[in-house]
């Protein structure tokens, strides 16, 4: 693979809309720690149904830091398309329900996804946080870049959930560069 193609795969927004994902999806990956989330495996599970599971982050960036993941193995936000918007909306709805239970005020809520290659685990996971962050270093891991002109999001390795939903609804894909 050429260096230019490698950079393109790492930083640009995946495949053109309507194209198949870069990596074939499967419902379960035996090598994925998030495919085995359970109380028995040491996770502090807060909520679970047939499609989603929510648990406390093991290295929280803020006082309340929750992960919401689909049970189906999806590598990252870059693989999602317009047809996946409802799943993201369901994840966000669950996140708000959990934060409501914790009595977290709306303005202190932050939700989003890291974008490969800047993600730590190759399984789609929504970071659900109640600000402020514990340290400046933790805050730096979750930068939000607002869009400009026709872009919904600017250059950043983190995309807020509402930005991701808007990008996908516009039949685009999420990437590090403006999209």
C-alpha atoms as a PDB file:
ATOM      1  CA  UNK A   1       0.000   0.000   0.000  1.00  0.00           C
ATOM      2  CA  UNK A   2       1.373   3.407  -0.932  1.00  0.00           C
ATOM      3  CA  UNK A   3       2.056   6.012   1.759  1.00  0.00           C
ATOM      4  CA  UNK A   4      -0.543   8.358   0.249  1.00  0.00           C
ATOM      5  CA  UNK A   5      -3.193   5.622   0.306  1.00  0.00           C
ATOM      6  CA  UNK A   6      -2.299   4.754   3.904  1.00  0.00           C
ATOM      7  CA  UNK A   7      -2.685   8.404   4.962  1.00  0.00           C
ATOM      8  CA  UNK A   8      -5.958   8.595   3.100  1.00  0.00           C
ATOM      9  CA  UNK A   9      -7.301   5.525   4.911  1.00  0.00           C
ATOM     10  CA  UNK A  10      -6.137   6.801   8.292  1.00  0.00           C
ATOM     11  CA  UNK A  11      -7.306  10.388   8.126  1.00  0.00           C
ATOM     12  CA  UNK A  12     -10.019  10.826   5.539  1.00  0.00           C
ATOM     13  CA  UNK A  13     -13.595   9.936   6.076  1.00  0.00           C
ATOM     14  CA  UNK A  14     -13.588   6.301   5.071  1.00  0.00           C
ATOM     15  CA  UNK A  15     -15.241   5.191   1.892  1.00  0.00           C
ATOM     16  CA  UNK A  16     -17.542   7.278  -0.281  1.00  0.00           C
ATOM     17  CA  UNK A  17     -21.180   7.170   0.749  1.00  0.00           C
ATOM     18  CA  UNK A  18     -22.990   4.135  -0.500  1.00  0.00           C
ATOM     19  CA  UNK A  19     -19.755   2.128  -0.662  1.00  0.00           C
ATOM     20  CA  UNK A  20     -19.186  -0.890   1.544  1.00  0.00           C
ATOM     21  CA  UNK A  21     -17.176  -0.260   4.720  1.00  0.00           C
ATOM     22  CA  UNK A  22     -13.386  -0.568   4.637  1.00  0.00           C
ATOM     23  CA  UNK A  23     -13.481  -3.504   7.031  1.00  0.00           C
ATOM     24  CA  UNK A  24     -16.125  -6.193   6.842  1.00  0.00           C
ATOM     25  CA  UNK A  25     -18.383  -6.099   9.887  1.00  0.00           C
ATOM     26  CA  UNK A  26     -19.356  -9.121  11.965  1.00  0.00           C
ATOM     27  CA  UNK A  27     -21.676  -9.348  14.940  1.00  0.00           C
ATOM     28  CA  UNK A  28     -18.910 -10.516  17.310  1.00  0.00           C
ATOM     29  CA  UNK A  29     -15.116 -10.271  17.406  1.00  0.00           C
ATOM     30  CA  UNK A  30     -13.462 -12.674  19.847  1.00  0.00           C
ATOM     31  CA  UNK A  31     -10.414 -10.366  20.037  1.00  0.00           C
ATOM     32  CA  UNK A  32     -12.471  -7.304  21.028  1.00  0.00           C
ATOM     33  CA  UNK A  33     -12.680  -6.481  24.744  1.00  0.00           C
ATOM     34  CA  UNK A  34     -15.941  -4.565  24.203  1.00  0.00           C
ATOM     35  CA  UNK A  35     -17.569  -7.597  22.575  1.00  0.00           C
ATOM     36  CA  UNK A  36     -17.228  -9.282  25.989  1.00  0.00           C
ATOM     37  CA  UNK A  37     -18.556  -6.533  28.260  1.00  0.00           C
ATOM     38  CA  UNK A  38     -20.221  -8.070  31.306  1.00  0.00           C
ATOM     39  CA  UNK A  39     -20.198  -7.831  35.084  1.00  0.00           C
ATOM     40  CA  UNK A  40     -18.422 -11.212  35.115  1.00  0.00           C
ATOM     41  CA  UNK A  41     -15.608  -9.710  33.034  1.00  0.00           C
ATOM     42  CA  UNK A  42     -15.065  -6.822  35.453  1.00  0.00           C
ATOM     43  CA  UNK A  43     -17.244  -4.112  33.889  1.00  0.00           C
ATOM     44  CA  UNK A  44     -19.536  -1.891  35.945  1.00  0.00           C
ATOM     45  CA  UNK A  45     -22.587  -2.397  33.734  1.00  0.00           C
ATOM     46  CA  UNK A  46     -25.270   0.247  34.234  1.00  0.00           C
ATOM     47  CA  UNK A  47     -27.790  -0.800  31.589  1.00  0.00           C
ATOM     48  CA  UNK A  48     -28.277  -3.487  28.956  1.00  0.00           C
ATOM     49  CA  UNK A  49     -30.838  -4.566  26.388  1.00  0.00           C
ATOM     50  CA  UNK A  50     -30.708  -6.711  23.242  1.00  0.00           C
ATOM     51  CA  UNK A  51     -28.884  -4.033  21.192  1.00  0.00           C
ATOM     52  CA  UNK A  52     -26.957  -1.725  23.558  1.00  0.00           C
ATOM     53  CA  UNK A  53     -24.946  -1.906  26.750  1.00  0.00           C
ATOM     54  CA  UNK A  54     -23.739   0.940  28.982  1.00  0.00           C
ATOM     55  CA  UNK A  55     -20.969   0.763  31.553  1.00  0.00           C
ATOM     56  CA  UNK A  56     -18.706   3.041  33.556  1.00  0.00           C
ATOM     57  CA  UNK A  57     -15.406   3.910  31.903  1.00  0.00           C
ATOM     58  CA  UNK A  58     -12.547   2.143  33.691  1.00  0.00           C
ATOM     59  CA  UNK A  59     -10.268   5.208  33.390  1.00  0.00           C
ATOM     60  CA  UNK A  60     -12.752   8.085  33.638  1.00  0.00           C
ATOM     61  CA  UNK A  61     -11.887  11.493  32.229  1.00  0.00           C
ATOM     62  CA  UNK A  62     -14.562  13.152  34.374  1.00  0.00           C
ATOM     63  CA  UNK A  63     -16.465  12.311  37.557  1.00  0.00           C
ATOM     64  CA  UNK A  64     -19.114  10.541  35.498  1.00  0.00           C
ATOM     65  CA  UNK A  65     -17.774   8.884  32.348  1.00  0.00           C
ATOM     66  CA  UNK A  66     -19.914   6.201  30.756  1.00  0.00           C
ATOM     67  CA  UNK A  67     -19.469   4.183  27.571  1.00  0.00           C
ATOM     68  CA  UNK A  68     -22.498   3.225  25.478  1.00  0.00           C
ATOM     69  CA  UNK A  69     -21.784   0.551  22.883  1.00  0.00           C
ATOM     70  CA  UNK A  70     -23.747  -1.545  20.419  1.00  0.00           C
ATOM     71  CA  UNK A  71     -23.607  -5.253  21.176  1.00  0.00           C
ATOM     72  CA  UNK A  72     -22.956  -5.855  17.494  1.00  0.00           C
ATOM     73  CA  UNK A  73     -19.277  -5.411  16.655  1.00  0.00           C
ATOM     74  CA  UNK A  74     -18.840  -2.216  14.639  1.00  0.00           C
ATOM     75  CA  UNK A  75     -15.232  -1.078  14.377  1.00  0.00           C
ATOM     76  CA  UNK A  76     -15.693   2.689  14.574  1.00  0.00           C
ATOM     77  CA  UNK A  77     -17.662   5.793  13.695  1.00  0.00           C
ATOM     78  CA  UNK A  78     -15.927   5.787  10.288  1.00  0.00           C
ATOM     79  CA  UNK A  79     -17.804   2.663   9.214  1.00  0.00           C
ATOM     80  CA  UNK A  80     -21.234   4.176   9.803  1.00  0.00           C
ATOM     81  CA  UNK A  81     -23.552   5.378   7.067  1.00  0.00           C
ATOM     82  CA  UNK A  82     -26.886   7.153   6.823  1.00  0.00           C
ATOM     83  CA  UNK A  83     -28.690   3.884   7.577  1.00  0.00           C
ATOM     84  CA  UNK A  84     -26.998   3.830  11.010  1.00  0.00           C
ATOM     85  CA  UNK A  85     -28.400   7.164  12.232  1.00  0.00           C
ATOM     86  CA  UNK A  86     -31.190   5.544  14.253  1.00  0.00           C
ATOM     87  CA  UNK A  87     -28.668   3.419  16.155  1.00  0.00           C
ATOM     88  CA  UNK A  88     -26.721   6.575  17.091  1.00  0.00           C
ATOM     89  CA  UNK A  89     -29.935   8.298  18.160  1.00  0.00           C
ATOM     90  CA  UNK A  90     -30.763   5.292  20.349  1.00  0.00           C
ATOM     91  CA  UNK A  91     -27.290   5.449  21.912  1.00  0.00           C
ATOM     92  CA  UNK A  92     -27.683   9.170  22.635  1.00  0.00           C
ATOM     93  CA  UNK A  93     -31.175   8.655  24.062  1.00  0.00           C
ATOM     94  CA  UNK A  94     -29.847   6.005  26.443  1.00  0.00           C
ATOM     95  CA  UNK A  95     -26.952   8.294  27.404  1.00  0.00           C
ATOM     96  CA  UNK A  96     -29.356  11.102  28.306  1.00  0.00           C
ATOM     97  CA  UNK A  97     -31.492   8.694  30.364  1.00  0.00           C
ATOM     98  CA  UNK A  98     -28.431   7.608  32.345  1.00  0.00           C
ATOM     99  CA  UNK A  99     -27.306  11.200  32.908  1.00  0.00           C
ATOM    100  CA  UNK A 100     -30.851  12.140  33.946  1.00  0.00           C
ATOM    101  CA  UNK A 101     -30.708   9.393  36.600  1.00  0.00           C
ATOM    102  CA  UNK A 102     -27.472  10.953  37.875  1.00  0.00           C
ATOM    103  CA  UNK A 103     -29.096  14.432  37.873  1.00  0.00           C
ATOM    104  CA  UNK A 104     -26.452  15.815  35.493  1.00  0.00           C
ATOM    105  CA  UNK A 105     -27.392  19.233  34.095  1.00  0.00           C
ATOM    106  CA  UNK A 106     -27.691  19.585  30.309  1.00  0.00           C
ATOM    107  CA  UNK A 107     -24.882  22.136  29.800  1.00  0.00           C
ATOM    108  CA  UNK A 108     -22.331  19.874  31.512  1.00  0.00           C
ATOM    109  CA  UNK A 109     -23.078  16.879  29.269  1.00  0.00           C
ATOM    110  CA  UNK A 110     -20.681  15.880  26.509  1.00  0.00           C
ATOM    111  CA  UNK A 111     -21.116  12.926  24.149  1.00  0.00           C
ATOM    112  CA  UNK A 112     -19.030  11.815  21.234  1.00  0.00           C
ATOM    113  CA  UNK A 113     -16.713   9.390  19.497  1.00  0.00           C
ATOM    114  CA  UNK A 114     -12.984   9.222  18.833  1.00  0.00           C
ATOM    115  CA  UNK A 115     -12.135   8.863  15.144  1.00  0.00           C
ATOM    116  CA  UNK A 116      -9.544   6.319  13.969  1.00  0.00           C
ATOM    117  CA  UNK A 117      -6.621   6.206  14.152  1.00  0.00           C
ATOM    118  CA  UNK A 118      -7.110   8.140  17.410  1.00  0.00           C
ATOM    119  CA  UNK A 119      -9.423   5.632  19.083  1.00  0.00           C
ATOM    120  CA  UNK A 120      -8.214   3.248  21.762  1.00  0.00           C
ATOM    121  CA  UNK A 121     -10.529   0.300  21.077  1.00  0.00           C
ATOM    122  CA  UNK A 122     -11.800  -0.825  17.687  1.00  0.00           C
ATOM    123  CA  UNK A 123     -15.433  -1.123  18.732  1.00  0.00           C
ATOM    124  CA  UNK A 124     -17.834   1.774  18.345  1.00  0.00           C
ATOM    125  CA  UNK A 125     -18.256   3.452  21.729  1.00  0.00           C
ATOM    126  CA  UNK A 126     -20.012   6.646  22.702  1.00  0.00           C
ATOM    127  CA  UNK A 127     -18.208   8.592  25.413  1.00  0.00           C
ATOM    128  CA  UNK A 128     -20.814  10.030  27.775  1.00  0.00           C
ATOM    129  CA  UNK A 129     -19.318  12.553  30.164  1.00  0.00           C
ATOM    130  CA  UNK A 130     -20.385  14.987  32.864  1.00  0.00           C
ATOM    131  CA  UNK A 131     -17.963  17.905  32.795  1.00  0.00           C
ATOM    132  CA  UNK A 132     -15.625  19.239  34.073  1.00  0.00           C
ATOM    133  CA  UNK A 133     -12.715  16.995  33.193  1.00  0.00           C
ATOM    134  CA  UNK A 134     -10.415  15.738  35.930  1.00  0.00           C
ATOM    135  CA  UNK A 135      -7.284  17.195  34.278  1.00  0.00           C
ATOM    136  CA  UNK A 136      -6.273  19.326  31.297  1.00  0.00           C
ATOM    137  CA  UNK A 137      -4.699  16.237  29.739  1.00  0.00           C
ATOM    138  CA  UNK A 138      -8.054  14.436  29.916  1.00  0.00           C
ATOM    139  CA  UNK A 139      -9.787  17.466  28.376  1.00  0.00           C
ATOM    140  CA  UNK A 140      -7.283  17.456  25.486  1.00  0.00           C
ATOM    141  CA  UNK A 141      -8.399  13.940  24.500  1.00  0.00           C
ATOM    142  CA  UNK A 142     -11.890  15.187  23.613  1.00  0.00           C
ATOM    143  CA  UNK A 143     -11.541  18.327  21.467  1.00  0.00           C
ATOM    144  CA  UNK A 144     -14.619  19.582  19.669  1.00  0.00           C
ATOM    145  CA  UNK A 145     -14.058  21.376  16.369  1.00  0.00           C
ATOM    146  CA  UNK A 146     -17.042  23.275  15.075  1.00  0.00           C
ATOM    147  CA  UNK A 147     -17.687  23.245  11.364  1.00  0.00           C
ATOM    148  CA  UNK A 148     -17.328  26.101   8.924  1.00  0.00           C
ATOM    149  CA  UNK A 149     -18.818  26.854   5.514  1.00  0.00           C
ATOM    150  CA  UNK A 150     -20.440  23.590   4.373  1.00  0.00           C
ATOM    151  CA  UNK A 151     -18.676  21.473   7.016  1.00  0.00           C
ATOM    152  CA  UNK A 152     -20.499  20.243  10.112  1.00  0.00           C
ATOM    153  CA  UNK A 153     -17.268  19.496  11.980  1.00  0.00           C
ATOM    154  CA  UNK A 154     -13.753  20.891  11.706  1.00  0.00           C
ATOM    155  CA  UNK A 155     -10.373  19.137  12.037  1.00  0.00           C
ATOM    156  CA  UNK A 156     -10.471  16.961  15.152  1.00  0.00           C
ATOM    157  CA  UNK A 157      -9.991  13.387  16.282  1.00  0.00           C
ATOM    158  CA  UNK A 158     -13.227  13.610  18.285  1.00  0.00           C
ATOM    159  CA  UNK A 159     -16.741  14.140  16.933  1.00  0.00           C
ATOM    160  CA  UNK A 160     -19.698  15.087  19.085  1.00  0.00           C
ATOM    161  CA  UNK A 161     -22.665  12.751  18.765  1.00  0.00           C
ATOM    162  CA  UNK A 162     -24.900  15.482  17.325  1.00  0.00           C
ATOM    163  CA  UNK A 163     -22.223  16.315  14.719  1.00  0.00           C
ATOM    164  CA  UNK A 164     -21.899  12.641  13.755  1.00  0.00           C
ATOM    165  CA  UNK A 165     -25.660  12.300  13.353  1.00  0.00           C
ATOM    166  CA  UNK A 166     -25.840  15.426  11.160  1.00  0.00           C
ATOM    167  CA  UNK A 167     -22.915  14.279   9.009  1.00  0.00           C
ATOM    168  CA  UNK A 168     -24.480  10.855   8.448  1.00  0.00           C
ATOM    169  CA  UNK A 169     -27.927  12.341   7.780  1.00  0.00           C
ATOM    170  CA  UNK A 170     -26.278  14.425   5.030  1.00  0.00           C
ATOM    171  CA  UNK A 171     -25.124  11.115   3.501  1.00  0.00           C
ATOM    172  CA  UNK A 172     -21.479  11.813   4.342  1.00  0.00           C
ATOM    173  CA  UNK A 173     -18.985   9.863   6.437  1.00  0.00           C
ATOM    174  CA  UNK A 174     -17.152  10.942   9.586  1.00  0.00           C
ATOM    175  CA  UNK A 175     -13.408  11.543   9.481  1.00  0.00           C
ATOM    176  CA  UNK A 176     -10.645  13.496  11.202  1.00  0.00           C
ATOM    177  CA  UNK A 177     -10.605  16.211   8.564  1.00  0.00           C
ATOM    178  CA  UNK A 178     -13.547  18.621   8.176  1.00  0.00           C
ATOM    179  CA  UNK A 179     -16.690  16.876   7.031  1.00  0.00           C
END
